[in-house]
Amino acid sequence: MKIIFVCLGNICRSPMAEFVMKDLLVRQKKSDQFIIESRATSNWEHGNPVHQGTLKILRKYNITVDETKRSQQITVDDFVKADKIIAMDSSNLTDLSNLAPENMQQKITMLLEQSVPDPWYTNDFEQTYQLVKAGCERLLSEISEQ
């Protein structure tokens, strides 16, 4: 199963979700069953590394981070190849719905019922981490039940 997490710039929330989910899968010995990636709805941060605040919070919780990760914008090919495309907030959800081919809309959903605040603006990486972790745990539980 291929899951792509998506936020506005792909430097804070979506890479955080990518690495948190990869960590959960390793701990549950399921990493060989999934491809986990992250993307942006915009090209504003294209090619930029993961935000230092995201790296710091992930290190705090001993989550392995790929230091070579760079921001990428979502493409039509991503919609085709992914099984699930997970938006971090309602604005991302709207953008993804506008970008997705008509027959790919059912792949798009929110990580949580509420939006995950962007720490780029809030500077609260702890709050974002706790929400991302809860969302990833719930998503993995839902997938395991299917």
N, C-alpha and C. Protein backbone atom coordinates (compact mmCIF):
# COMPACT_ATOMS: atom_id res chain seq x y z
N MET A 1 0.85 -1.18 0.00
CA MET A 1 0.00 0.00 0.00
C MET A 1 0.89 1.24 0.00
N LYS A 2 0.53 2.19 -0.85
CA LYS A 2 1.27 3.44 -0.92
C LYS A 2 0.42 4.57 -0.33
N ILE A 3 1.02 5.27 0.66
CA ILE A 3 0.36 6.39 1.32
C ILE A 3 1.22 7.63 1.12
N ILE A 4 0.58 8.72 0.72
CA ILE A 4 1.29 10.00 0.58
C ILE A 4 0.61 11.02 1.49
N PHE A 5 1.42 11.60 2.39
CA PHE A 5 0.95 12.67 3.27
C PHE A 5 1.22 14.00 2.58
N VAL A 6 0.27 14.93 2.70
CA VAL A 6 0.39 16.19 1.96
C VAL A 6 0.07 17.39 2.85
N CYS A 7 0.94 18.40 2.76
CA CYS A 7 0.68 19.70 3.38
C CYS A 7 1.03 20.78 2.35
N LEU A 8 1.04 22.02 2.77
CA LEU A 8 1.27 23.12 1.83
C LEU A 8 2.67 23.10 1.22
N GLY A 9 3.70 23.01 2.07
CA GLY A 9 5.07 23.15 1.57
C GLY A 9 5.93 21.91 1.60
N ASN A 10 5.48 20.86 2.30
CA ASN A 10 6.23 19.60 2.41
C ASN A 10 7.57 19.79 3.10
N ILE A 11 7.59 20.66 4.12
CA ILE A 11 8.81 20.81 4.92
C ILE A 11 8.52 20.65 6.42
N CYS A 12 7.25 20.71 6.83
CA CYS A 12 6.92 20.60 8.26
C CYS A 12 6.02 19.39 8.54
N ARG A 13 4.72 19.55 8.29
CA ARG A 13 3.75 18.54 8.70
C ARG A 13 3.80 17.25 7.91
N SER A 14 3.82 17.32 6.60
CA SER A 14 3.76 16.07 5.82
C SER A 14 5.04 15.23 5.96
N PRO A 15 6.25 15.84 5.98
CA PRO A 15 7.40 14.97 6.24
C PRO A 15 7.38 14.43 7.67
N MET A 16 6.84 15.21 8.61
CA MET A 16 6.71 14.71 9.98
C MET A 16 5.84 13.46 9.98
N ALA A 17 4.70 13.53 9.29
CA ALA A 17 3.80 12.37 9.20
C ALA A 17 4.48 11.20 8.48
N GLU A 18 5.22 11.50 7.43
CA GLU A 18 5.94 10.44 6.70
C GLU A 18 6.87 9.68 7.64
N PHE A 19 7.68 10.39 8.41
CA PHE A 19 8.66 9.73 9.26
C PHE A 19 8.02 9.09 10.49
N VAL A 20 6.96 9.68 11.02
CA VAL A 20 6.24 9.07 12.14
C VAL A 20 5.61 7.76 11.68
N MET A 21 4.97 7.77 10.51
CA MET A 21 4.34 6.55 10.01
C MET A 21 5.37 5.47 9.73
N LYS A 22 6.48 5.85 9.13
CA LYS A 22 7.55 4.87 8.88
C LYS A 22 8.04 4.26 10.19
N ASP A 23 8.17 5.08 11.22
CA ASP A 23 8.60 4.59 12.53
C ASP A 23 7.57 3.61 13.11
N LEU A 24 6.30 3.94 13.04
CA LEU A 24 5.25 3.04 13.53
C LEU A 24 5.28 1.71 12.79
N LEU A 25 5.49 1.77 11.48
CA LEU A 25 5.52 0.55 10.68
C LEU A 25 6.73 -0.32 11.02
N VAL A 26 7.87 0.29 11.26
CA VAL A 26 9.06 -0.47 11.67
C VAL A 26 8.79 -1.15 13.01
N ARG A 27 8.22 -0.41 13.96
CA ARG A 27 7.94 -0.97 15.28
C ARG A 27 6.95 -2.14 15.21
N GLN A 28 6.03 -2.09 14.26
CA GLN A 28 5.05 -3.17 14.11
C GLN A 28 5.49 -4.22 13.09
N LYS A 29 6.71 -4.08 12.62
CA LYS A 29 7.28 -5.03 11.63
C LYS A 29 6.39 -5.15 10.39
N LYS A 30 5.92 -3.99 9.91
CA LYS A 30 5.07 -3.96 8.72
C LYS A 30 5.65 -3.06 7.62
N SER A 31 6.87 -2.58 7.80
CA SER A 31 7.41 -1.59 6.85
C SER A 31 7.54 -2.15 5.44
N ASP A 32 7.67 -3.46 5.29
CA ASP A 32 7.79 -4.04 3.96
C ASP A 32 6.45 -4.09 3.22
N GLN A 33 5.37 -3.77 3.91
CA GLN A 33 4.04 -3.80 3.31
C GLN A 33 3.58 -2.44 2.79
N PHE A 34 4.38 -1.39 3.03
CA PHE A 34 3.96 -0.03 2.72
C PHE A 34 5.06 0.77 2.03
N ILE A 35 4.63 1.73 1.24
CA ILE A 35 5.49 2.80 0.72
C ILE A 35 4.89 4.08 1.29
N ILE A 36 5.71 4.82 2.04
CA ILE A 36 5.24 6.04 2.68
C ILE A 36 6.06 7.21 2.13
N GLU A 37 5.36 8.23 1.64
CA GLU A 37 6.01 9.42 1.09
C GLU A 37 5.25 10.65 1.53
N SER A 38 5.77 11.82 1.17
CA SER A 38 5.06 13.07 1.45
C SER A 38 5.29 14.05 0.30
N ARG A 39 4.33 14.96 0.15
CA ARG A 39 4.36 15.94 -0.93
C ARG A 39 3.75 17.27 -0.46
N ALA A 40 3.84 18.26 -1.33
CA ALA A 40 3.27 19.59 -1.11
C ALA A 40 2.17 19.85 -2.12
N THR A 41 1.22 20.71 -1.74
CA THR A 41 0.23 21.16 -2.72
C THR A 41 0.79 22.33 -3.52
N SER A 42 1.76 23.05 -2.95
CA SER A 42 2.35 24.20 -3.63
C SER A 42 3.78 23.89 -4.05
N ASN A 43 4.36 24.79 -4.83
CA ASN A 43 5.78 24.64 -5.20
C ASN A 43 6.65 25.65 -4.45
N TRP A 44 6.10 26.31 -3.43
CA TRP A 44 6.82 27.37 -2.72
C TRP A 44 8.13 26.91 -2.12
N GLU A 45 8.16 25.70 -1.59
CA GLU A 45 9.35 25.20 -0.90
C GLU A 45 10.10 24.15 -1.73
N HIS A 46 9.74 24.01 -3.00
CA HIS A 46 10.29 22.94 -3.84
C HIS A 46 11.81 22.83 -3.71
N GLY A 47 12.26 21.64 -3.37
CA GLY A 47 13.68 21.36 -3.26
C GLY A 47 14.30 21.70 -1.92
N ASN A 48 13.53 22.33 -1.03
CA ASN A 48 14.07 22.69 0.28
C ASN A 48 14.05 21.49 1.23
N PRO A 49 14.97 21.48 2.20
CA PRO A 49 15.03 20.38 3.16
C PRO A 49 13.90 20.48 4.19
N VAL A 50 13.76 19.43 4.97
CA VAL A 50 12.80 19.40 6.07
C VAL A 50 13.15 20.52 7.05
N HIS A 51 12.13 21.20 7.56
CA HIS A 51 12.29 22.32 8.49
C HIS A 51 13.05 21.85 9.74
N GLN A 52 13.91 22.69 10.25
CA GLN A 52 14.70 22.36 11.44
C GLN A 52 13.82 22.04 12.65
N GLY A 53 12.70 22.72 12.79
CA GLY A 53 11.78 22.43 13.90
C GLY A 53 11.22 21.03 13.83
N THR A 54 10.92 20.57 12.62
CA THR A 54 10.43 19.21 12.43
C THR A 54 11.53 18.21 12.75
N LEU A 55 12.74 18.47 12.27
CA LEU A 55 13.86 17.58 12.57
C LEU A 55 14.10 17.49 14.07
N LYS A 56 14.03 18.62 14.74
CA LYS A 56 14.30 18.66 16.18
C LYS A 56 13.27 17.84 16.96
N ILE A 57 11.99 18.00 16.65
CA ILE A 57 10.96 17.27 17.39
C ILE A 57 11.02 15.78 17.09
N LEU A 58 11.33 15.40 15.87
CA LEU A 58 11.45 13.98 15.55
C LEU A 58 12.64 13.36 16.26
N ARG A 59 13.73 14.08 16.35
CA ARG A 59 14.91 13.57 17.08
C ARG A 59 14.58 13.42 18.57
N LYS A 60 13.80 14.37 19.10
CA LYS A 60 13.40 14.31 20.52
C LYS A 60 12.71 12.98 20.82
N TYR A 61 11.92 12.48 19.87
CA TYR A 61 11.18 11.24 20.06
C TYR A 61 11.87 10.03 19.39
N ASN A 62 13.14 10.19 19.07
CA ASN A 62 13.97 9.11 18.51
C ASN A 62 13.37 8.49 17.25
N ILE A 63 12.85 9.36 16.39
CA ILE A 63 12.30 8.90 15.12
C ILE A 63 13.33 9.15 14.03
N THR A 64 13.63 8.11 13.28
CA THR A 64 14.62 8.19 12.22
C THR A 64 14.14 9.13 11.12
N VAL A 65 15.04 9.99 10.69
CA VAL A 65 14.73 10.98 9.65
C VAL A 65 15.71 10.80 8.50
N ASP A 66 15.20 10.84 7.29
CA ASP A 66 16.05 10.84 6.10
C ASP A 66 16.47 12.28 5.84
N GLU A 67 17.72 12.58 6.15
CA GLU A 67 18.23 13.96 6.04
C GLU A 67 18.30 14.44 4.58
N THR A 68 18.17 13.53 3.63
CA THR A 68 18.23 13.93 2.22
C THR A 68 16.84 14.31 1.67
N LYS A 69 15.81 14.14 2.49
CA LYS A 69 14.44 14.47 2.05
C LYS A 69 14.35 15.93 1.62
N ARG A 70 13.75 16.16 0.47
CA ARG A 70 13.53 17.50 -0.06
C ARG A 70 12.07 17.65 -0.46
N SER A 71 11.57 18.87 -0.38
CA SER A 71 10.18 19.15 -0.72
C SER A 71 9.90 18.83 -2.19
N GLN A 72 8.75 18.20 -2.41
CA GLN A 72 8.28 17.89 -3.75
C GLN A 72 6.80 18.24 -3.84
N GLN A 73 6.38 18.72 -4.98
CA GLN A 73 4.97 19.00 -5.20
C GLN A 73 4.28 17.74 -5.72
N ILE A 74 3.04 17.54 -5.30
CA ILE A 74 2.29 16.36 -5.75
C ILE A 74 2.02 16.45 -7.25
N THR A 75 2.01 15.30 -7.91
CA THR A 75 1.80 15.23 -9.35
C THR A 75 0.61 14.31 -9.66
N VAL A 76 0.14 14.35 -10.88
CA VAL A 76 -0.92 13.44 -11.30
C VAL A 76 -0.47 12.00 -11.14
N ASP A 77 0.79 11.72 -11.42
CA ASP A 77 1.34 10.37 -11.25
C ASP A 77 1.21 9.90 -9.80
N ASP A 78 1.39 10.81 -8.84
CA ASP A 78 1.22 10.46 -7.43
C ASP A 78 -0.21 10.03 -7.15
N PHE A 79 -1.18 10.74 -7.73
CA PHE A 79 -2.58 10.36 -7.53
C PHE A 79 -2.84 8.97 -8.10
N VAL A 80 -2.24 8.67 -9.22
CA VAL A 80 -2.44 7.37 -9.86
C VAL A 80 -1.83 6.24 -9.03
N LYS A 81 -0.61 6.44 -8.54
CA LYS A 81 0.13 5.37 -7.86
C LYS A 81 -0.21 5.19 -6.38
N ALA A 82 -0.75 6.21 -5.74
CA ALA A 82 -1.05 6.12 -4.31
C ALA A 82 -2.38 5.41 -4.06
N ASP A 83 -2.43 4.73 -2.94
CA ASP A 83 -3.68 4.13 -2.48
C ASP A 83 -4.45 5.11 -1.60
N LYS A 84 -3.70 5.89 -0.82
CA LYS A 84 -4.28 6.89 0.06
C LYS A 84 -3.45 8.17 -0.02
N ILE A 85 -4.16 9.30 -0.07
CA ILE A 85 -3.51 10.61 -0.06
C ILE A 85 -4.11 11.36 1.12
N ILE A 86 -3.26 11.69 2.07
CA ILE A 86 -3.71 12.19 3.36
C ILE A 86 -3.36 13.67 3.51
N ALA A 87 -4.40 14.49 3.63
CA ALA A 87 -4.24 15.94 3.79
C ALA A 87 -4.08 16.29 5.27
N MET A 88 -3.25 17.31 5.53
CA MET A 88 -3.01 17.75 6.89
C MET A 88 -4.06 18.76 7.38
N ASP A 89 -4.68 19.48 6.46
CA ASP A 89 -5.72 20.43 6.88
C ASP A 89 -6.77 20.59 5.78
N SER A 90 -7.83 21.32 6.11
CA SER A 90 -8.94 21.45 5.17
C SER A 90 -8.54 22.21 3.90
N SER A 91 -7.61 23.13 4.02
CA SER A 91 -7.12 23.85 2.85
C SER A 91 -6.37 22.90 1.91
N ASN A 92 -5.54 22.04 2.48
CA ASN A 92 -4.83 21.03 1.68
C ASN A 92 -5.83 20.09 1.02
N LEU A 93 -6.88 19.74 1.75
CA LEU A 93 -7.91 18.85 1.22
C LEU A 93 -8.58 19.46 0.00
N THR A 94 -8.91 20.73 0.09
CA THR A 94 -9.52 21.45 -1.03
C THR A 94 -8.56 21.51 -2.22
N ASP A 95 -7.30 21.86 -1.94
CA ASP A 95 -6.29 21.93 -3.02
C ASP A 95 -6.12 20.57 -3.69
N LEU A 96 -6.06 19.50 -2.88
CA LEU A 96 -5.90 18.16 -3.45
C LEU A 96 -7.11 17.78 -4.31
N SER A 97 -8.28 18.12 -3.85
CA SER A 97 -9.49 17.82 -4.63
C SER A 97 -9.49 18.56 -5.96
N ASN A 98 -8.97 19.78 -5.95
CA ASN A 98 -8.87 20.55 -7.20
C ASN A 98 -7.80 20.01 -8.13
N LEU A 99 -6.74 19.44 -7.58
CA LEU A 99 -5.63 18.92 -8.38
C LEU A 99 -5.86 17.50 -8.90
N ALA A 100 -6.64 16.73 -8.17
CA ALA A 100 -6.79 15.30 -8.48
C ALA A 100 -7.68 15.06 -9.70
N PRO A 101 -7.31 14.07 -10.50
CA PRO A 101 -8.22 13.64 -11.57
C PRO A 101 -9.54 13.19 -10.94
N GLU A 102 -10.63 13.35 -11.68
CA GLU A 102 -11.97 13.05 -11.17
C GLU A 102 -12.07 11.64 -10.58
N ASN A 103 -11.45 10.67 -11.24
CA ASN A 103 -11.57 9.28 -10.79
C ASN A 103 -10.61 8.93 -9.65
N MET A 104 -9.91 9.92 -9.09
CA MET A 104 -8.97 9.68 -7.98
C MET A 104 -9.42 10.35 -6.69
N GLN A 105 -10.55 11.02 -6.71
CA GLN A 105 -11.04 11.78 -5.56
C GLN A 105 -11.20 10.92 -4.30
N GLN A 106 -11.61 9.66 -4.48
CA GLN A 106 -11.88 8.79 -3.34
C GLN A 106 -10.62 8.43 -2.55
N LYS A 107 -9.45 8.68 -3.10
CA LYS A 107 -8.19 8.39 -2.42
C LYS A 107 -7.83 9.45 -1.38
N ILE A 108 -8.47 10.60 -1.45
CA ILE A 108 -8.08 11.75 -0.64
C ILE A 108 -8.90 11.80 0.66
N THR A 109 -8.21 12.00 1.77
CA THR A 109 -8.87 12.14 3.06
C THR A 109 -8.01 12.99 3.99
N MET A 110 -8.57 13.37 5.12
CA MET A 110 -7.83 14.13 6.13
C MET A 110 -7.14 13.17 7.09
N LEU A 111 -6.03 13.60 7.66
CA LEU A 111 -5.35 12.80 8.67
C LEU A 111 -6.22 12.69 9.91
N LEU A 112 -6.77 13.80 10.34
CA LEU A 112 -7.69 13.85 11.48
C LEU A 112 -8.95 14.58 11.05
N GLU A 113 -9.98 14.51 11.86
CA GLU A 113 -11.20 15.24 11.53
C GLU A 113 -10.96 16.74 11.56
N GLN A 114 -10.10 17.18 12.48
CA GLN A 114 -9.74 18.60 12.53
C GLN A 114 -8.42 18.81 11.80
N SER A 115 -8.15 20.04 11.43
CA SER A 115 -6.90 20.37 10.76
C SER A 115 -5.72 20.29 11.73
N VAL A 116 -4.60 19.83 11.21
CA VAL A 116 -3.35 19.84 11.98
C VAL A 116 -2.70 21.20 11.76
N PRO A 117 -2.53 22.00 12.82
CA PRO A 117 -1.97 23.35 12.65
C PRO A 117 -0.55 23.31 12.06
N ASP A 118 -0.27 24.27 11.22
CA ASP A 118 1.04 24.36 10.57
C ASP A 118 2.03 25.02 11.51
N PRO A 119 3.06 24.28 11.95
CA PRO A 119 4.02 24.86 12.88
C PRO A 119 4.89 25.94 12.26
N TRP A 120 4.86 26.06 10.94
CA TRP A 120 5.55 27.17 10.28
C TRP A 120 5.00 28.49 10.81
N TYR A 121 3.67 28.49 11.07
CA TYR A 121 3.00 29.69 11.58
C TYR A 121 2.87 29.70 13.11
N THR A 122 2.58 28.53 13.70
CA THR A 122 2.35 28.47 15.15
C THR A 122 3.64 28.35 15.95
N ASN A 123 4.67 27.81 15.33
CA ASN A 123 5.95 27.50 15.97
C ASN A 123 5.78 26.49 17.11
N ASP A 124 4.66 25.75 17.10
CA ASP A 124 4.40 24.74 18.13
C ASP A 124 4.56 23.35 17.51
N PHE A 125 5.81 22.93 17.36
CA PHE A 125 6.10 21.64 16.75
C PHE A 125 5.65 20.48 17.63
N GLU A 126 5.63 20.70 18.95
CA GLU A 126 5.16 19.66 19.88
C GLU A 126 3.69 19.35 19.63
N GLN A 127 2.86 20.38 19.56
CA GLN A 127 1.43 20.18 19.31
C GLN A 127 1.22 19.47 17.97
N THR A 128 1.93 19.92 16.96
CA THR A 128 1.80 19.30 15.64
C THR A 128 2.22 17.84 15.70
N TYR A 129 3.33 17.56 16.38
CA TYR A 129 3.80 16.18 16.50
C TYR A 129 2.75 15.29 17.18
N GLN A 130 2.19 15.77 18.28
CA GLN A 130 1.20 14.95 19.00
C GLN A 130 -0.02 14.65 18.13
N LEU A 131 -0.48 15.62 17.36
CA LEU A 131 -1.61 15.41 16.46
C LEU A 131 -1.24 14.47 15.31
N VAL A 132 -0.07 14.67 14.75
CA VAL A 132 0.39 13.80 13.65
C VAL A 132 0.52 12.36 14.14
N LYS A 133 1.11 12.18 15.30
CA LYS A 133 1.27 10.83 15.86
C LYS A 133 -0.08 10.17 16.07
N ALA A 134 -1.02 10.90 16.68
CA ALA A 134 -2.36 10.35 16.90
C ALA A 134 -3.03 9.98 15.58
N GLY A 135 -2.90 10.85 14.59
CA GLY A 135 -3.48 10.59 13.28
C GLY A 135 -2.88 9.38 12.59
N CYS A 136 -1.57 9.26 12.66
CA CYS A 136 -0.89 8.11 12.04
C CYS A 136 -1.25 6.81 12.75
N GLU A 137 -1.34 6.84 14.07
CA GLU A 137 -1.74 5.64 14.82
C GLU A 137 -3.15 5.22 14.44
N ARG A 138 -4.06 6.19 14.34
CA ARG A 138 -5.44 5.89 13.96
C ARG A 138 -5.50 5.33 12.54
N LEU A 139 -4.78 5.96 11.61
CA LEU A 139 -4.76 5.51 10.23
C LEU A 139 -4.24 4.08 10.13
N LEU A 140 -3.16 3.78 10.82
CA LEU A 140 -2.59 2.44 10.78
C LEU A 140 -3.56 1.43 11.38
N SER A 141 -4.25 1.80 12.44
CA SER A 141 -5.23 0.92 13.05
C SER A 141 -6.38 0.64 12.07
N GLU A 142 -6.86 1.68 11.39
CA GLU A 142 -7.94 1.52 10.41
C GLU A 142 -7.51 0.61 9.26
N ILE A 143 -6.29 0.79 8.78
CA ILE A 143 -5.78 -0.04 7.68
C ILE A 143 -5.65 -1.48 8.12
N SER A 144 -5.18 -1.70 9.33
CA SER A 144 -4.98 -3.06 9.86
C SER A 144 -6.30 -3.78 10.00
N GLU A 145 -7.38 -3.06 10.29
CA GLU A 145 -8.70 -3.67 10.44
C GLU A 145 -9.32 -4.06 9.12
N GLN A 146 -8.85 -3.48 8.02
CA GLN A 146 -9.45 -3.76 6.70
C GLN A 146 -9.02 -5.10 6.15
